[in-house]
Amino acid sequence: YIDEWQKRRSEIAKYWCESFRELSLTCLSDTTDPHAHQKFVMYLPDRNSLHTHLLTDGIDSKIHYEYVLGDLPTSKTLSKPDMLSTSVMLSRGVISLPIYPELTDNEIEYIRDKVDEFFEK
């Protein structure tokens, strides 16, 4: 079923990227690669608030990288501490939506609606 599951994940990713186009977030999932959808990753500066909002509505979004090497004490001795600034910034704004192939169209739209609702506040 792997090809079928990947096709379904690709459909979901394309739908969400299109639906979220006008929102203040960036879809980081590659919608051109059918094998790149084990996670649906987005970036927004206020990801913790979105995460809380989605949990309140029963949506289990994930934060995969809460810290990066630049946050560890050993990185303080680097000659260029800002060399990790992009990874640090991304780690604080990246969130993943559930992208299971078993999600129904109604569940996919519910998640979309809840993300939209967050930005309407």
Protein backbone atom coordinates (compact mmCIF):
# COMPACT_ATOMS: atom_id res chain seq x y z
CA TYR A 1 0.00 0.00 0.00
CA ILE A 2 2.98 2.32 0.15
CA ASP A 3 2.40 3.94 -3.26
CA GLU A 4 -1.27 4.47 -2.45
CA TRP A 5 -0.43 6.00 0.93
CA GLN A 6 2.19 8.31 -0.57
CA LYS A 7 -0.29 9.44 -3.23
CA ARG A 8 -2.85 10.28 -0.53
CA ARG A 9 -0.26 12.17 1.53
CA SER A 10 0.75 14.12 -1.59
CA GLU A 11 -2.86 15.08 -2.22
CA ILE A 12 -3.24 16.30 1.37
CA ALA A 13 0.03 18.29 1.23
CA LYS A 14 -0.92 19.98 -2.04
CA TYR A 15 -4.37 20.83 -0.72
CA TRP A 16 -3.04 22.37 2.48
CA CYS A 17 -0.24 24.32 0.76
CA GLU A 18 -2.81 25.77 -1.62
CA SER A 19 -5.29 26.46 1.19
CA PHE A 20 -2.68 28.17 3.39
CA ARG A 21 -1.20 30.31 0.63
CA GLU A 22 -2.71 33.54 1.96
CA LEU A 23 -1.78 32.88 5.61
CA SER A 24 1.31 34.12 7.44
CA LEU A 25 3.06 30.78 7.36
CA THR A 26 5.41 28.96 5.02
CA CYS A 27 4.79 25.41 3.85
CA LEU A 28 8.14 23.65 4.01
CA SER A 29 6.84 20.36 2.61
CA ASP A 30 7.93 19.66 -0.96
CA THR A 31 4.70 19.18 -2.91
CA THR A 32 6.58 18.07 -6.05
CA ASP A 33 8.20 15.00 -4.51
CA PRO A 34 5.67 12.22 -3.85
CA HIS A 35 8.04 10.54 -1.40
CA ALA A 36 8.55 13.56 0.86
CA HIS A 37 5.36 13.48 2.89
CA GLN A 38 6.00 11.57 6.07
CA LYS A 39 5.56 14.95 7.76
CA PHE A 40 3.70 18.08 6.71
CA VAL A 41 6.03 20.80 7.95
CA MET A 42 5.22 24.50 8.20
CA TYR A 43 7.06 27.51 9.59
CA LEU A 44 5.53 30.41 11.46
CA PRO A 45 7.03 32.62 14.16
CA ASP A 46 4.18 31.91 16.62
CA ARG A 47 4.10 28.14 16.28
CA ASN A 48 3.62 27.49 20.01
CA SER A 49 0.32 29.38 19.99
CA LEU A 50 -0.83 27.47 16.91
CA HIS A 51 0.20 24.20 18.56
CA THR A 52 -1.88 25.06 21.65
CA HIS A 53 -4.83 26.18 19.51
CA LEU A 54 -4.81 22.92 17.54
CA LEU A 55 -4.51 20.78 20.69
CA THR A 56 -7.56 22.58 22.11
CA ASP A 57 -9.48 21.42 19.04
CA GLY A 58 -8.23 17.83 19.24
CA ILE A 59 -5.51 18.11 16.58
CA ASP A 60 -2.16 16.64 17.58
CA SER A 61 0.41 18.75 15.76
CA LYS A 62 4.07 17.97 16.43
CA ILE A 63 7.14 19.99 17.31
CA HIS A 64 10.04 17.79 16.19
CA TYR A 65 13.04 20.00 16.88
CA GLU A 66 12.63 21.93 20.11
CA TYR A 67 16.31 22.82 20.22
CA VAL A 68 19.32 22.68 17.89
CA LEU A 69 23.03 22.34 18.41
CA GLY A 70 23.29 26.11 18.68
CA ASP A 71 21.28 25.94 21.90
CA LEU A 72 23.77 23.63 23.61
CA PRO A 73 26.46 25.04 25.92
CA THR A 74 29.24 23.61 23.71
CA SER A 75 28.26 25.90 20.84
CA LYS A 76 29.03 29.00 22.92
CA THR A 77 32.73 28.45 22.20
CA LEU A 78 32.29 28.64 18.41
CA SER A 79 34.19 31.45 16.77
CA LYS A 80 31.04 32.41 14.85
CA PRO A 81 28.07 31.71 17.15
CA ASP A 82 25.65 33.18 14.60
CA MET A 83 26.55 30.48 12.09
CA LEU A 84 23.65 28.43 13.48
CA SER A 85 21.16 31.28 13.59
CA THR A 86 19.00 29.96 10.73
CA SER A 87 18.64 26.54 12.31
CA VAL A 88 17.84 28.12 15.68
CA MET A 89 15.19 30.35 14.09
CA LEU A 90 13.62 27.42 12.24
CA SER A 91 13.64 25.19 15.31
CA ARG A 92 11.54 27.77 17.13
CA GLY A 93 8.95 28.10 14.36
CA VAL A 94 8.58 24.67 12.75
CA ILE A 95 5.42 22.63 13.35
CA SER A 96 4.01 19.54 11.64
CA LEU A 97 0.38 18.74 10.99
CA PRO A 98 -0.85 15.14 10.99
CA ILE A 99 -0.71 13.77 7.46
CA TYR A 100 -1.90 10.21 7.77
CA PRO A 101 -3.24 8.62 4.59
CA GLU A 102 -6.24 7.42 6.61
CA LEU A 103 -7.44 10.99 7.23
CA THR A 104 -10.84 11.57 5.69
CA ASP A 105 -11.58 14.59 3.54
CA ASN A 106 -13.71 15.95 6.39
CA GLU A 107 -10.80 15.63 8.84
CA ILE A 108 -8.44 17.34 6.39
CA GLU A 109 -10.87 20.22 5.99
CA TYR A 110 -11.38 20.41 9.77
CA ILE A 111 -7.63 20.80 10.28
CA ARG A 112 -7.52 23.44 7.53
CA ASP A 113 -10.42 25.30 9.13
CA LYS A 114 -8.74 25.28 12.55
CA VAL A 115 -5.49 26.65 11.10
CA ASP A 116 -7.49 29.35 9.30
CA GLU A 117 -9.35 30.11 12.55
CA PHE A 118 -6.04 30.64 14.35
CA PHE A 119 -5.03 33.36 11.87
CA GLU A 120 -8.44 35.05 12.03
CA LYS A 121 -7.91 35.91 15.72
